[in-house]
């Protein structure tokens, strides 16, 4: 995308945009079809983590997406995104 900075700068930090450009996207390209209720935790007044889950697939795995948010330029912006796949243990 040629205009990535113009398009994403209201939502992402410059550092995160640079990371996206250098790595040619995120480490996981899974498309979240349904986003279940998110959990937000605050480290301090200017840093938060948003957690979203994909829901369980047929292999009893859930993909979690963690977005680190920072308060900058009078708005919350994404500064990092990571993923974690967890095999769910079902109750017998």
C-alpha atoms as a PDB file:
ATOM      1  CA  UNK A   1       0.000   0.000   0.000  1.00  0.00           C
ATOM      2  CA  UNK A   2       1.641   3.201  -1.159  1.00  0.00           C
ATOM      3  CA  UNK A   3      -0.157   5.535   1.250  1.00  0.00           C
ATOM      4  CA  UNK A   4       0.260   3.378   4.366  1.00  0.00           C
ATOM      5  CA  UNK A   5       1.427   6.226   6.605  1.00  0.00           C
ATOM      6  CA  UNK A   6      -1.389   8.552   5.591  1.00  0.00           C
ATOM      7  CA  UNK A   7      -4.010   5.854   5.995  1.00  0.00           C
ATOM      8  CA  UNK A   8      -2.805   4.254   9.251  1.00  0.00           C
ATOM      9  CA  UNK A   9      -1.218   7.154  11.182  1.00  0.00           C
ATOM     10  CA  UNK A  10      -4.474   8.002  13.037  1.00  0.00           C
ATOM     11  CA  UNK A  11      -4.607   4.415  14.351  1.00  0.00           C
ATOM     12  CA  UNK A  12      -1.016   3.139  14.618  1.00  0.00           C
ATOM     13  CA  UNK A  13       2.203   4.605  16.033  1.00  0.00           C
ATOM     14  CA  UNK A  14       5.002   5.461  13.592  1.00  0.00           C
ATOM     15  CA  UNK A  15       7.123   2.698  15.134  1.00  0.00           C
ATOM     16  CA  UNK A  16       4.411   0.107  14.520  1.00  0.00           C
ATOM     17  CA  UNK A  17       3.882   1.319  10.939  1.00  0.00           C
ATOM     18  CA  UNK A  18       7.641   0.928  10.368  1.00  0.00           C
ATOM     19  CA  UNK A  19       7.458  -2.610  11.772  1.00  0.00           C
ATOM     20  CA  UNK A  20       4.555  -3.470   9.454  1.00  0.00           C
ATOM     21  CA  UNK A  21       6.397  -2.123   6.427  1.00  0.00           C
ATOM     22  CA  UNK A  22       9.681  -3.890   7.259  1.00  0.00           C
ATOM     23  CA  UNK A  23       8.056  -7.249   8.060  1.00  0.00           C
ATOM     24  CA  UNK A  24       5.495  -6.918   5.240  1.00  0.00           C
ATOM     25  CA  UNK A  25       2.538  -7.314   7.582  1.00  0.00           C
ATOM     26  CA  UNK A  26       1.743  -9.075  10.810  1.00  0.00           C
ATOM     27  CA  UNK A  27       3.203 -12.414  11.865  1.00  0.00           C
ATOM     28  CA  UNK A  28      -0.241 -14.001  11.532  1.00  0.00           C
ATOM     29  CA  UNK A  29      -2.689 -13.269   8.736  1.00  0.00           C
ATOM     30  CA  UNK A  30      -5.651 -15.077  10.304  1.00  0.00           C
ATOM     31  CA  UNK A  31      -8.905 -13.291   9.544  1.00  0.00           C
ATOM     32  CA  UNK A  32     -10.997 -12.957  12.702  1.00  0.00           C
ATOM     33  CA  UNK A  33     -14.543 -13.661  11.445  1.00  0.00           C
ATOM     34  CA  UNK A  34     -16.111 -13.244  14.854  1.00  0.00           C
ATOM     35  CA  UNK A  35     -14.462 -11.134  17.512  1.00  0.00           C
ATOM     36  CA  UNK A  36     -15.580 -12.131  20.956  1.00  0.00           C
ATOM     37  CA  UNK A  37     -15.811  -9.662  23.802  1.00  0.00           C
ATOM     38  CA  UNK A  38     -12.401  -8.149  24.390  1.00  0.00           C
ATOM     39  CA  UNK A  39     -10.549  -7.682  27.608  1.00  0.00           C
ATOM     40  CA  UNK A  40      -8.588  -4.502  28.256  1.00  0.00           C
ATOM     41  CA  UNK A  41      -5.982  -4.074  30.962  1.00  0.00           C
ATOM     42  CA  UNK A  42      -4.219  -0.818  31.769  1.00  0.00           C
ATOM     43  CA  UNK A  43      -0.547  -0.790  32.702  1.00  0.00           C
ATOM     44  CA  UNK A  44      -0.701   2.946  33.435  1.00  0.00           C
ATOM     45  CA  UNK A  45      -2.500   6.071  32.181  1.00  0.00           C
ATOM     46  CA  UNK A  46      -0.836   5.835  28.769  1.00  0.00           C
ATOM     47  CA  UNK A  47      -0.524   2.086  28.068  1.00  0.00           C
ATOM     48  CA  UNK A  48      -3.158  -0.615  27.667  1.00  0.00           C
ATOM     49  CA  UNK A  49      -3.420  -4.147  26.289  1.00  0.00           C
ATOM     50  CA  UNK A  50      -6.449  -5.339  24.351  1.00  0.00           C
ATOM     51  CA  UNK A  51      -6.990  -9.107  24.061  1.00  0.00           C
ATOM     52  CA  UNK A  52      -9.271 -10.656  21.453  1.00  0.00           C
ATOM     53  CA  UNK A  53      -9.975 -14.311  20.745  1.00  0.00           C
ATOM     54  CA  UNK A  54     -10.927 -16.071  17.542  1.00  0.00           C
ATOM     55  CA  UNK A  55     -13.080 -18.688  19.211  1.00  0.00           C
ATOM     56  CA  UNK A  56     -12.214 -22.361  19.193  1.00  0.00           C
ATOM     57  CA  UNK A  57     -11.602 -24.136  15.896  1.00  0.00           C
ATOM     58  CA  UNK A  58     -12.203 -27.835  15.139  1.00  0.00           C
ATOM     59  CA  UNK A  59      -8.796 -28.732  16.641  1.00  0.00           C
ATOM     60  CA  UNK A  60      -9.792 -27.145  19.999  1.00  0.00           C
ATOM     61  CA  UNK A  61      -7.389 -24.279  19.371  1.00  0.00           C
ATOM     62  CA  UNK A  62      -8.061 -20.615  20.043  1.00  0.00           C
ATOM     63  CA  UNK A  63      -5.991 -17.811  18.557  1.00  0.00           C
ATOM     64  CA  UNK A  64      -5.520 -14.811  20.844  1.00  0.00           C
ATOM     65  CA  UNK A  65      -4.556 -11.415  19.459  1.00  0.00           C
ATOM     66  CA  UNK A  66      -2.845  -8.969  21.832  1.00  0.00           C
ATOM     67  CA  UNK A  67      -2.744  -5.300  20.831  1.00  0.00           C
ATOM     68  CA  UNK A  68      -0.651  -2.900  22.873  1.00  0.00           C
ATOM     69  CA  UNK A  69      -2.170   0.575  22.845  1.00  0.00           C
ATOM     70  CA  UNK A  70      -0.486   3.836  23.801  1.00  0.00           C
ATOM     71  CA  UNK A  71      -2.046   7.222  24.355  1.00  0.00           C
ATOM     72  CA  UNK A  72      -0.278   9.587  21.960  1.00  0.00           C
ATOM     73  CA  UNK A  73      -1.275  12.739  20.099  1.00  0.00           C
ATOM     74  CA  UNK A  74      -4.536  12.950  22.080  1.00  0.00           C
ATOM     75  CA  UNK A  75      -5.719   9.487  21.002  1.00  0.00           C
ATOM     76  CA  UNK A  76      -5.138   5.791  21.624  1.00  0.00           C
ATOM     77  CA  UNK A  77      -2.945   4.130  18.971  1.00  0.00           C
ATOM     78  CA  UNK A  78      -1.771   0.569  18.378  1.00  0.00           C
ATOM     79  CA  UNK A  79       1.950   0.238  19.073  1.00  0.00           C
ATOM     80  CA  UNK A  80       2.324  -3.556  18.775  1.00  0.00           C
ATOM     81  CA  UNK A  81       0.344  -6.678  17.915  1.00  0.00           C
ATOM     82  CA  UNK A  82       1.197 -10.252  18.842  1.00  0.00           C
ATOM     83  CA  UNK A  83      -0.559 -13.610  18.633  1.00  0.00           C
ATOM     84  CA  UNK A  84      -0.742 -16.739  20.753  1.00  0.00           C
ATOM     85  CA  UNK A  85      -2.398 -20.023  19.808  1.00  0.00           C
ATOM     86  CA  UNK A  86      -3.717 -22.054  22.736  1.00  0.00           C
ATOM     87  CA  UNK A  87      -5.022 -25.600  22.725  1.00  0.00           C
ATOM     88  CA  UNK A  88      -8.127 -25.511  24.897  1.00  0.00           C
ATOM     89  CA  UNK A  89      -8.725 -28.252  27.446  1.00  0.00           C
ATOM     90  CA  UNK A  90     -12.378 -29.154  27.451  1.00  0.00           C
ATOM     91  CA  UNK A  91     -14.119 -30.307  30.597  1.00  0.00           C
ATOM     92  CA  UNK A  92     -14.997 -34.018  30.408  1.00  0.00           C
END
